[in-house]
Amino acid sequence: MINGKSVIAIIPARGGSKGLPGKNIKALCGRPLIAWSIEAGLGSQYIDEVMVTTDSEEIADIARMFGASVPFIRPPELASDIATSFDAIKHAIDFYENELSKKFDYIVLLEPTSPLREKDDIDRMIEKIISMENQFDAIVSLGEVHEHPSIMKKIIDNKIEPYCKELVMVTRRQDNNIAYFPYGVAYIVKTKTLLEEKSFYPQRTTYRIIKRYQCHEIDDIYDFLAIENIMKYEWEIK
């Protein structure tokens, strides 16, 4: 809790994954991938509860082992390829309110596929959004994009064309206006706003800039191998 505001961290973890089967519990530097997000949430001085929403009993057991709450198994229809993160989070919010009589002022979304969090990232983001709660309803983690949108291409009728014709490509990368991508270190939003706008990017959203090495997410085995080696290099994990 911070300034009288209650905070819950929600970690969504489906059992199915086409890009990298079993990725949420795949061993990353000696512990299941999901454990890194659980431990990051538990390490926050402001988060009141860390919970995992999953459709997998195996993931649920591992999540509990590392200290997360798993008060339900997510219904299959909320764990399909077409189900959204919002669907899963809303289900969790409704469960806590209706079944456990618990309400939280802020939701912290921690994606297991973004384990490269520094110890103070979450708390600094919570502090910022709380200190600016009259101006903003959410905060997201942003990383600078090094493959700038102005150089990206699309293929039409066997011909290469600019992906965004309205963007002027310059010769030197550093001359471009900086572009950012919302990497999943954390998304923090007022519960009321999330339910109203159904988005982790509501109209009034601010940001925290993350470091270059944190700008990675796990979608396939190549991402996984890259992040594992980044962890070993940056955090001196043996």
Protein backbone atom coordinates (compact mmCIF):
# COMPACT_ATOMS: atom_id res chain seq x y z
CA MET A 1 0.00 0.00 0.00
CA ILE A 2 1.13 3.54 -0.71
CA ASN A 3 -0.56 6.75 0.44
CA GLY A 4 -3.62 4.74 1.40
CA LYS A 5 -3.87 3.16 -2.06
CA SER A 6 -3.96 -0.63 -2.35
CA VAL A 7 -1.98 -2.35 -5.08
CA ILE A 8 -2.14 -5.83 -6.60
CA ALA A 9 0.33 -7.32 -9.05
CA ILE A 10 -1.26 -9.67 -11.57
CA ILE A 11 0.90 -12.06 -13.57
CA PRO A 12 -0.89 -13.71 -16.51
CA ALA A 13 0.57 -17.08 -17.52
CA ARG A 14 -1.16 -19.35 -20.00
CA GLY A 15 -0.24 -23.00 -20.21
CA GLY A 16 -0.22 -22.95 -24.00
CA SER A 17 2.42 -21.17 -26.06
CA LYS A 18 3.01 -21.70 -29.76
CA GLY A 19 6.20 -19.65 -30.03
CA LEU A 20 7.98 -21.44 -27.19
CA PRO A 21 6.04 -24.33 -25.65
CA GLY A 22 6.05 -24.31 -21.85
CA LYS A 23 7.91 -20.99 -21.76
CA ASN A 24 6.34 -19.70 -18.54
CA ILE A 25 7.94 -22.48 -16.50
CA LYS A 26 11.01 -23.08 -18.64
CA ALA A 27 14.19 -22.81 -16.55
CA LEU A 28 15.87 -19.44 -17.04
CA CYS A 29 19.18 -19.05 -15.21
CA GLY A 30 18.22 -21.73 -12.72
CA ARG A 31 14.58 -20.90 -11.98
CA PRO A 32 11.27 -21.02 -13.87
CA LEU A 33 10.66 -18.00 -16.07
CA ILE A 34 7.55 -17.01 -14.12
CA ALA A 35 9.52 -16.98 -10.86
CA TRP A 36 11.42 -13.86 -11.94
CA SER A 37 8.19 -11.86 -12.19
CA ILE A 38 6.81 -13.27 -8.94
CA GLU A 39 9.98 -12.35 -7.07
CA ALA A 40 9.97 -8.87 -8.60
CA GLY A 41 6.43 -8.32 -7.36
CA LEU A 42 7.15 -9.70 -3.91
CA GLY A 43 10.19 -7.45 -3.69
CA SER A 44 8.07 -4.30 -3.99
CA GLN A 45 7.46 -2.37 -0.79
CA TYR A 46 4.10 -1.12 -2.09
CA ILE A 47 2.42 -4.17 -3.64
CA ASP A 48 -0.10 -5.75 -1.27
CA GLU A 49 -0.60 -9.01 -3.16
CA VAL A 50 1.09 -10.84 -6.00
CA MET A 51 -1.20 -13.23 -7.86
CA VAL A 52 -0.94 -15.43 -10.92
CA THR A 53 -3.84 -16.06 -13.27
CA THR A 54 -3.33 -19.27 -15.22
CA ASP A 55 -5.25 -22.11 -16.81
CA SER A 56 -2.50 -24.59 -15.91
CA GLU A 57 -2.35 -26.58 -12.66
CA GLU A 58 1.37 -27.07 -13.19
CA ILE A 59 2.01 -23.33 -13.50
CA ALA A 60 -0.25 -22.74 -10.49
CA ASP A 61 1.77 -25.16 -8.34
CA ILE A 62 5.07 -23.56 -9.35
CA ALA A 63 3.67 -20.06 -8.78
CA ARG A 64 2.57 -20.98 -5.26
CA MET A 65 5.98 -22.52 -4.61
CA PHE A 66 7.58 -19.14 -5.29
CA GLY A 67 5.13 -17.23 -3.10
CA ALA A 68 2.36 -16.04 -5.41
CA SER A 69 -1.35 -16.34 -4.71
CA VAL A 70 -3.30 -18.50 -7.16
CA PRO A 71 -6.89 -18.33 -5.89
CA PHE A 72 -8.44 -19.87 -9.01
CA ILE A 73 -7.67 -21.67 -12.26
CA ARG A 74 -8.52 -19.46 -15.21
CA PRO A 75 -11.41 -20.71 -17.39
CA PRO A 76 -10.30 -22.17 -20.74
CA GLU A 77 -12.14 -19.52 -22.74
CA LEU A 78 -9.93 -16.88 -21.11
CA ALA A 79 -6.74 -18.73 -22.02
CA SER A 80 -7.27 -19.15 -25.76
CA ASP A 81 -5.22 -17.52 -28.50
CA ILE A 82 -7.96 -14.91 -29.00
CA ALA A 83 -8.40 -14.03 -25.32
CA THR A 84 -6.80 -10.72 -24.39
CA SER A 85 -4.76 -9.69 -21.37
CA PHE A 86 -7.61 -7.37 -20.43
CA ASP A 87 -10.06 -10.29 -20.39
CA ALA A 88 -7.83 -12.22 -17.99
CA ILE A 89 -7.16 -9.23 -15.74
CA LYS A 90 -10.83 -8.26 -15.55
CA HIS A 91 -11.70 -11.83 -14.60
CA ALA A 92 -9.16 -11.66 -11.79
CA ILE A 93 -10.46 -8.27 -10.58
CA ASP A 94 -14.03 -9.58 -10.57
CA PHE A 95 -12.99 -12.75 -8.69
CA TYR A 96 -11.23 -10.79 -5.96
CA GLU A 97 -14.18 -8.43 -5.54
CA ASN A 98 -16.99 -10.96 -5.76
CA GLU A 99 -15.44 -14.05 -4.17
CA LEU A 100 -12.85 -12.60 -1.76
CA SER A 101 -14.38 -9.17 -1.06
CA LYS A 102 -11.10 -7.47 -1.95
CA LYS A 103 -10.70 -4.33 -4.01
CA PHE A 104 -7.48 -2.70 -5.20
CA ASP A 105 -6.90 0.86 -6.32
CA TYR A 106 -4.07 0.01 -8.71
CA ILE A 107 -3.25 -2.95 -10.94
CA VAL A 108 0.37 -3.79 -11.73
CA LEU A 109 0.60 -6.04 -14.79
CA LEU A 110 3.82 -8.07 -14.76
CA GLU A 111 4.37 -10.15 -17.88
CA PRO A 112 6.51 -13.26 -17.32
CA THR A 113 8.04 -12.76 -20.76
CA SER A 114 9.80 -9.57 -19.57
CA PRO A 115 12.04 -10.74 -16.72
CA LEU A 116 14.74 -8.06 -17.13
CA ARG A 117 13.59 -5.84 -14.26
CA GLU A 118 15.87 -3.86 -12.02
CA LYS A 119 15.12 -3.94 -8.28
CA ASP A 120 13.65 -0.44 -8.12
CA ASP A 121 11.75 -0.34 -11.44
CA ILE A 122 8.33 -1.29 -10.06
CA ASP A 123 8.48 0.89 -6.96
CA ARG A 124 9.76 3.92 -8.86
CA MET A 125 6.90 3.51 -11.32
CA ILE A 126 4.36 3.19 -8.50
CA GLU A 127 5.79 6.28 -6.79
CA LYS A 128 5.60 8.28 -10.01
CA ILE A 129 2.00 7.43 -10.83
CA ILE A 130 0.90 8.05 -7.24
CA SER A 131 2.69 11.40 -7.14
CA MET A 132 0.99 12.40 -10.42
CA GLU A 133 -2.37 10.71 -9.90
CA ASN A 134 -4.26 13.92 -10.63
CA GLN A 135 -2.60 14.16 -14.05
CA PHE A 136 -2.23 10.52 -15.07
CA ASP A 137 -4.11 7.24 -14.70
CA ALA A 138 -1.39 4.85 -15.83
CA ILE A 139 2.32 4.41 -16.34
CA VAL A 140 4.16 2.09 -18.74
CA SER A 141 7.80 1.11 -19.21
CA LEU A 142 9.31 2.36 -22.47
CA GLY A 143 12.55 1.38 -24.19
CA GLU A 144 14.21 3.13 -27.10
CA VAL A 145 13.73 1.32 -30.41
CA HIS A 146 16.98 0.80 -32.29
CA GLU A 147 15.37 -0.51 -35.49
CA HIS A 148 13.70 2.80 -36.27
CA PRO A 149 10.24 2.73 -37.93
CA SER A 150 11.48 4.98 -40.73
CA ILE A 151 13.71 2.22 -42.13
CA MET A 152 11.15 -0.59 -41.91
CA LYS A 153 9.78 -2.03 -45.15
CA LYS A 154 6.78 -3.87 -46.49
CA ILE A 155 6.49 -6.03 -49.60
CA ILE A 156 3.79 -5.29 -52.16
CA ASP A 157 3.66 -7.22 -55.45
CA ASN A 158 7.26 -8.38 -55.12
CA LYS A 159 8.48 -4.83 -54.51
CA ILE A 160 9.92 -3.31 -51.35
CA GLU A 161 8.21 -0.15 -50.13
CA PRO A 162 8.53 1.95 -46.96
CA TYR A 163 6.33 0.58 -44.20
CA CYS A 164 5.39 4.10 -43.16
CA LYS A 165 5.67 6.45 -46.12
CA GLU A 166 4.94 9.45 -43.93
CA LEU A 167 8.20 8.88 -42.02
CA VAL A 168 11.24 10.47 -43.62
CA MET A 169 14.28 8.21 -43.53
CA VAL A 170 17.52 9.97 -42.71
CA THR A 171 21.03 8.74 -43.46
CA ARG A 172 22.22 8.57 -39.88
CA ARG A 173 20.18 6.64 -37.32
CA GLN A 174 20.96 9.16 -34.59
CA ASP A 175 19.29 11.92 -36.62
CA ASN A 176 15.88 10.28 -36.33
CA ASN A 177 13.43 11.34 -33.67
CA ILE A 178 13.64 8.71 -30.93
CA ALA A 179 10.98 6.01 -31.11
CA TYR A 180 9.94 3.94 -28.09
CA PHE A 181 8.38 0.53 -27.56
CA PRO A 182 6.36 -0.43 -24.44
CA TYR A 183 8.41 -3.34 -23.13
CA GLY A 184 6.68 -5.28 -20.36
CA VAL A 185 8.78 -4.40 -17.33
CA ALA A 186 5.51 -3.14 -15.82
CA TYR A 187 2.17 -1.64 -16.73
CA ILE A 188 0.48 0.14 -13.82
CA VAL A 189 -3.04 1.52 -14.06
CA LYS A 190 -5.84 2.67 -11.80
CA THR A 191 -8.35 -0.16 -11.54
CA LYS A 192 -11.27 2.20 -12.20
CA THR A 193 -9.63 3.54 -15.35
CA LEU A 194 -8.73 0.08 -16.64
CA LEU A 195 -12.32 -1.08 -16.34
CA GLU A 196 -13.63 2.08 -17.98
CA GLU A 197 -11.19 2.35 -20.90
CA LYS A 198 -10.37 -1.36 -21.18
CA SER A 199 -6.75 -0.55 -21.93
CA PHE A 200 -3.38 -0.48 -20.19
CA TYR A 201 -2.73 2.63 -22.30
CA PRO A 202 -5.55 4.91 -21.22
CA GLN A 203 -5.71 8.49 -22.47
CA ARG A 204 -3.72 9.84 -19.53
CA THR A 205 -0.60 7.63 -19.51
CA THR A 206 2.92 8.54 -18.43
CA TYR A 207 6.15 6.53 -18.66
CA ARG A 208 9.40 5.24 -17.20
CA ILE A 209 12.38 4.82 -19.51
CA ILE A 210 14.20 1.51 -19.09
CA LYS A 211 17.79 0.67 -19.96
CA ARG A 212 18.98 -0.71 -23.29
CA TYR A 213 19.59 -4.22 -21.96
CA GLN A 214 16.02 -4.42 -20.67
CA CYS A 215 14.52 -3.94 -24.13
CA HIS A 216 13.78 -7.61 -24.78
CA GLU A 217 10.74 -9.86 -24.47
CA ILE A 218 10.49 -13.64 -24.82
CA ASP A 219 8.40 -14.84 -27.74
CA ASP A 220 10.56 -17.70 -29.00
CA ILE A 221 13.70 -19.68 -28.22
CA TYR A 222 15.99 -17.04 -29.70
CA ASP A 223 14.59 -14.37 -27.38
CA PHE A 224 14.95 -16.82 -24.50
CA LEU A 225 18.61 -17.53 -25.27
CA ALA A 226 19.33 -13.82 -25.68
CA ILE A 227 17.75 -12.89 -22.34
CA GLU A 228 19.48 -15.74 -20.52
CA ASN A 229 22.84 -14.49 -21.72
CA ILE A 230 21.96 -10.88 -20.94
CA MET A 231 21.13 -11.92 -17.36
CA LYS A 232 24.43 -13.73 -17.03
CA TYR A 233 26.33 -10.72 -18.36
CA GLU A 234 24.47 -7.89 -16.59
CA TRP A 235 23.69 -9.60 -13.30
CA GLU A 236 26.78 -11.84 -13.16
CA ILE A 237 24.70 -14.99 -12.83
CA LYS A 238 26.85 -18.12 -13.08
